[in-house]
Amino acid sequence: MNRAEVLEVAARQRAGPEEADDEAIAAENTSVGGRALTEVELNTQYTSYDFFEILKVVRDPEHPDYSLQDLGVIRHRGITVAYRDAQFRYADATVTFTPTVPHCHLSPHIALCCHERLGRYLPLETKWKLTILLAPGSHKEEAALNKQINDKERVCAAMQNPALLKEIMKCTGDEVCQL
């Protein structure tokens, strides 16, 4: 894809209903024990907005001049956080991303970048159950890839591959991802 095609795809990805107020989305997509967080809790706990802030700067592996947010791969509405207890010790987080094309061969790479970046920045005092998914209907091999990118053993094995880890760090390193 050339630059014009990349920008066109990104514009199509962003088309549709405008993103609402970030705080409203965070309140809507973050819960504890099935209830919405209070205003104080929203200001002190990791919310879907915080996840989005961590991930939006990750560089696209195929087009490193653009972030996942620039291309519409990561969207705030595709992230949910649910704390399982009132002490915020256990939480489930789901990140849904949309590859730029339905046959994107770098979807597993994007998921590994998300795993790495979140693993680096999420607080250790909370036990996170992280699920990264392709948006429904966004990829030809969606079911197989969802299974692959959420298999802990495969993720660990991939992160131990020096060549792959080097490529992931090109997309997630602090020198290229300015918060």
Protein backbone atom coordinates (compact mmCIF):
# COMPACT_ATOMS: atom_id res chain seq x y z
CA MET A 1 0.00 0.00 0.00
CA ASN A 2 1.27 3.46 -0.80
CA ARG A 3 0.83 6.49 1.45
CA ALA A 4 -2.40 7.64 -0.22
CA GLU A 5 -3.97 4.18 0.11
CA VAL A 6 -2.97 3.99 3.78
CA LEU A 7 -4.56 7.36 4.51
CA GLU A 8 -7.71 6.39 2.58
CA VAL A 9 -8.08 3.17 4.57
CA ALA A 10 -7.53 5.10 7.81
CA ALA A 11 -10.19 7.62 6.84
CA ARG A 12 -12.67 4.81 6.11
CA GLN A 13 -11.84 3.18 9.46
CA ARG A 14 -12.57 6.44 11.28
CA ALA A 15 -15.79 7.10 9.37
CA GLY A 16 -19.05 6.55 11.18
CA PRO A 17 -20.38 7.92 14.42
CA GLU A 18 -18.05 10.41 16.05
CA GLU A 19 -16.33 9.28 19.20
CA ALA A 20 -18.17 10.63 22.22
CA ASP A 21 -16.55 12.36 25.16
CA ASP A 22 -13.58 10.26 26.39
CA GLU A 23 -14.71 10.36 30.02
CA ALA A 24 -18.18 9.15 29.05
CA ILE A 25 -16.71 6.23 27.10
CA ALA A 26 -14.41 5.35 30.02
CA ALA A 27 -17.36 5.37 32.42
CA GLU A 28 -19.43 3.25 30.02
CA ASN A 29 -16.68 0.69 29.29
CA THR A 30 -15.30 0.26 32.83
CA SER A 31 -17.08 -1.50 35.68
CA VAL A 32 -16.55 -3.15 39.05
CA GLY A 33 -18.67 -6.12 40.05
CA GLY A 34 -21.16 -5.29 37.30
CA ARG A 35 -21.72 -1.69 38.40
CA ALA A 36 -20.28 1.47 36.91
CA LEU A 37 -17.33 3.04 38.69
CA THR A 38 -17.89 6.10 40.83
CA GLU A 39 -16.25 9.39 39.87
CA VAL A 40 -13.50 8.85 42.48
CA GLU A 41 -12.88 5.31 41.20
CA LEU A 42 -12.69 6.56 37.61
CA ASN A 43 -9.93 8.96 38.67
CA THR A 44 -7.90 6.39 40.63
CA GLN A 45 -8.27 3.09 38.73
CA TYR A 46 -7.21 2.05 35.23
CA THR A 47 -10.13 2.56 32.87
CA SER A 48 -10.73 1.76 29.21
CA TYR A 49 -9.44 5.28 28.48
CA ASP A 50 -6.10 4.46 30.13
CA PHE A 51 -5.79 1.32 28.02
CA PHE A 52 -6.50 3.37 24.92
CA GLU A 53 -3.86 5.93 25.91
CA ILE A 54 -1.28 3.15 26.32
CA LEU A 55 -2.11 1.50 22.98
CA LYS A 56 -2.88 4.42 20.69
CA VAL A 57 0.81 5.27 20.18
CA VAL A 58 1.88 1.78 19.06
CA ARG A 59 3.27 1.93 15.53
CA ASP A 60 1.74 -0.14 12.75
CA PRO A 61 4.24 -2.88 11.81
CA GLU A 62 3.63 -2.49 8.07
CA HIS A 63 3.42 1.33 8.07
CA PRO A 64 5.71 2.51 10.91
CA ASP A 65 5.07 6.18 10.16
CA TYR A 66 1.52 5.72 11.49
CA SER A 67 0.20 4.70 14.88
CA LEU A 68 -2.61 2.21 15.40
CA GLN A 69 -4.86 5.14 16.27
CA ASP A 70 -3.91 7.01 13.06
CA LEU A 71 -5.03 4.02 11.00
CA GLY A 72 -8.19 3.37 13.01
CA VAL A 73 -6.93 -0.05 14.13
CA ILE A 74 -7.40 0.75 17.83
CA ARG A 75 -10.49 2.64 18.97
CA HIS A 76 -11.58 3.66 22.42
CA ARG A 77 -14.97 1.98 22.01
CA GLY A 78 -13.24 -1.37 21.40
CA ILE A 79 -11.78 -1.55 24.90
CA THR A 80 -13.59 -2.72 28.03
CA VAL A 81 -12.34 -3.13 31.60
CA ALA A 82 -14.27 -5.02 34.29
CA TYR A 83 -12.92 -5.28 37.83
CA ARG A 84 -14.05 -8.50 39.52
CA ASP A 85 -13.76 -7.30 43.11
CA ALA A 86 -14.26 -4.06 45.04
CA GLN A 87 -10.57 -3.95 46.02
CA PHE A 88 -9.54 -3.78 42.33
CA ARG A 89 -7.20 -6.79 42.67
CA TYR A 90 -8.63 -8.76 39.74
CA ALA A 91 -9.75 -7.42 36.39
CA ASP A 92 -10.74 -8.55 32.92
CA ALA A 93 -9.76 -6.36 30.01
CA THR A 94 -10.76 -6.86 26.39
CA VAL A 95 -9.11 -5.01 23.53
CA THR A 96 -10.76 -5.35 20.13
CA PHE A 97 -8.86 -4.14 17.09
CA THR A 98 -9.69 -3.85 13.40
CA PRO A 99 -6.97 -4.64 10.86
CA THR A 100 -6.80 -2.23 7.92
CA VAL A 101 -7.58 -5.01 5.42
CA PRO A 102 -9.48 -8.33 5.83
CA HIS A 103 -6.42 -10.37 4.82
CA CYS A 104 -3.86 -8.54 7.02
CA HIS A 105 -0.98 -10.94 7.61
CA LEU A 106 0.38 -8.84 10.49
CA SER A 107 -2.67 -9.14 12.78
CA PRO A 108 -0.85 -11.51 15.18
CA HIS A 109 2.06 -9.06 15.23
CA ILE A 110 -0.30 -6.19 16.18
CA ALA A 111 -1.76 -8.33 18.98
CA LEU A 112 1.74 -9.13 20.29
CA CYS A 113 2.54 -5.41 20.27
CA CYS A 114 -0.59 -4.80 22.37
CA HIS A 115 0.36 -7.60 24.80
CA GLU A 116 3.88 -6.21 25.17
CA ARG A 117 2.84 -2.58 25.63
CA LEU A 118 0.11 -3.38 28.17
CA GLY A 119 2.42 -5.78 30.04
CA ARG A 120 4.91 -2.95 30.41
CA TYR A 121 2.49 -0.28 31.67
CA LEU A 122 -0.35 -1.96 33.58
CA PRO A 123 -0.04 -1.88 37.38
CA LEU A 124 1.25 -5.11 38.91
CA GLU A 125 -0.99 -4.92 41.99
CA THR A 126 -3.96 -5.89 39.81
CA LYS A 127 -4.12 -9.37 38.28
CA TRP A 128 -5.19 -8.73 34.68
CA LYS A 129 -6.92 -11.23 32.45
CA LEU A 130 -6.20 -9.71 29.06
CA THR A 131 -8.12 -10.72 25.94
CA ILE A 132 -7.18 -9.29 22.57
CA LEU A 133 -9.64 -9.89 19.74
CA LEU A 134 -10.12 -9.03 16.11
CA ALA A 135 -13.32 -7.08 15.53
CA PRO A 136 -16.13 -9.37 14.31
CA GLY A 137 -16.03 -9.72 10.53
CA SER A 138 -12.77 -7.77 10.17
CA HIS A 139 -10.52 -10.64 9.05
CA LYS A 140 -10.89 -13.70 6.87
CA GLU A 141 -9.30 -15.94 9.54
CA GLU A 142 -10.82 -14.23 12.56
CA ALA A 143 -11.64 -17.31 14.68
CA ALA A 144 -8.24 -18.97 14.20
CA LEU A 145 -6.36 -15.75 14.86
CA ASN A 146 -8.39 -14.94 17.99
CA LYS A 147 -7.52 -18.36 19.35
CA GLN A 148 -3.85 -17.95 18.45
CA ILE A 149 -3.36 -14.43 19.86
CA ASN A 150 -4.94 -15.36 23.22
CA ASP A 151 -2.99 -18.58 23.75
CA LYS A 152 -0.60 -17.77 26.62
CA GLU A 153 1.95 -20.38 25.57
CA ARG A 154 2.09 -19.09 21.99
CA VAL A 155 2.40 -15.50 23.19
CA CYS A 156 5.25 -16.42 25.56
CA ALA A 157 7.02 -18.42 22.86
CA ALA A 158 6.70 -15.56 20.38
CA MET A 159 8.09 -13.09 22.91
CA GLN A 160 11.16 -15.29 23.37
CA ASN A 161 11.99 -15.18 19.65
CA PRO A 162 14.77 -12.54 19.41
CA ALA A 163 13.98 -11.53 15.82
CA LEU A 164 10.26 -11.14 16.50
CA LEU A 165 10.90 -9.30 19.78
CA LYS A 166 13.15 -6.86 17.91
CA GLU A 167 10.32 -6.15 15.45
CA ILE A 168 7.82 -5.72 18.28
CA MET A 169 10.12 -3.27 20.06
CA LYS A 170 10.34 -1.21 16.85
CA CYS A 171 6.58 -0.71 17.17
CA THR A 172 6.26 -0.40 20.95
CA GLY A 173 9.50 1.05 22.25
CA ASP A 174 9.35 4.25 24.26
CA GLU A 175 11.57 6.01 21.74
CA VAL A 176 8.88 5.63 19.03
CA CYS A 177 5.79 5.69 21.27
CA GLN A 178 5.54 9.05 22.97
CA LEU A 179 2.74 9.14 25.56
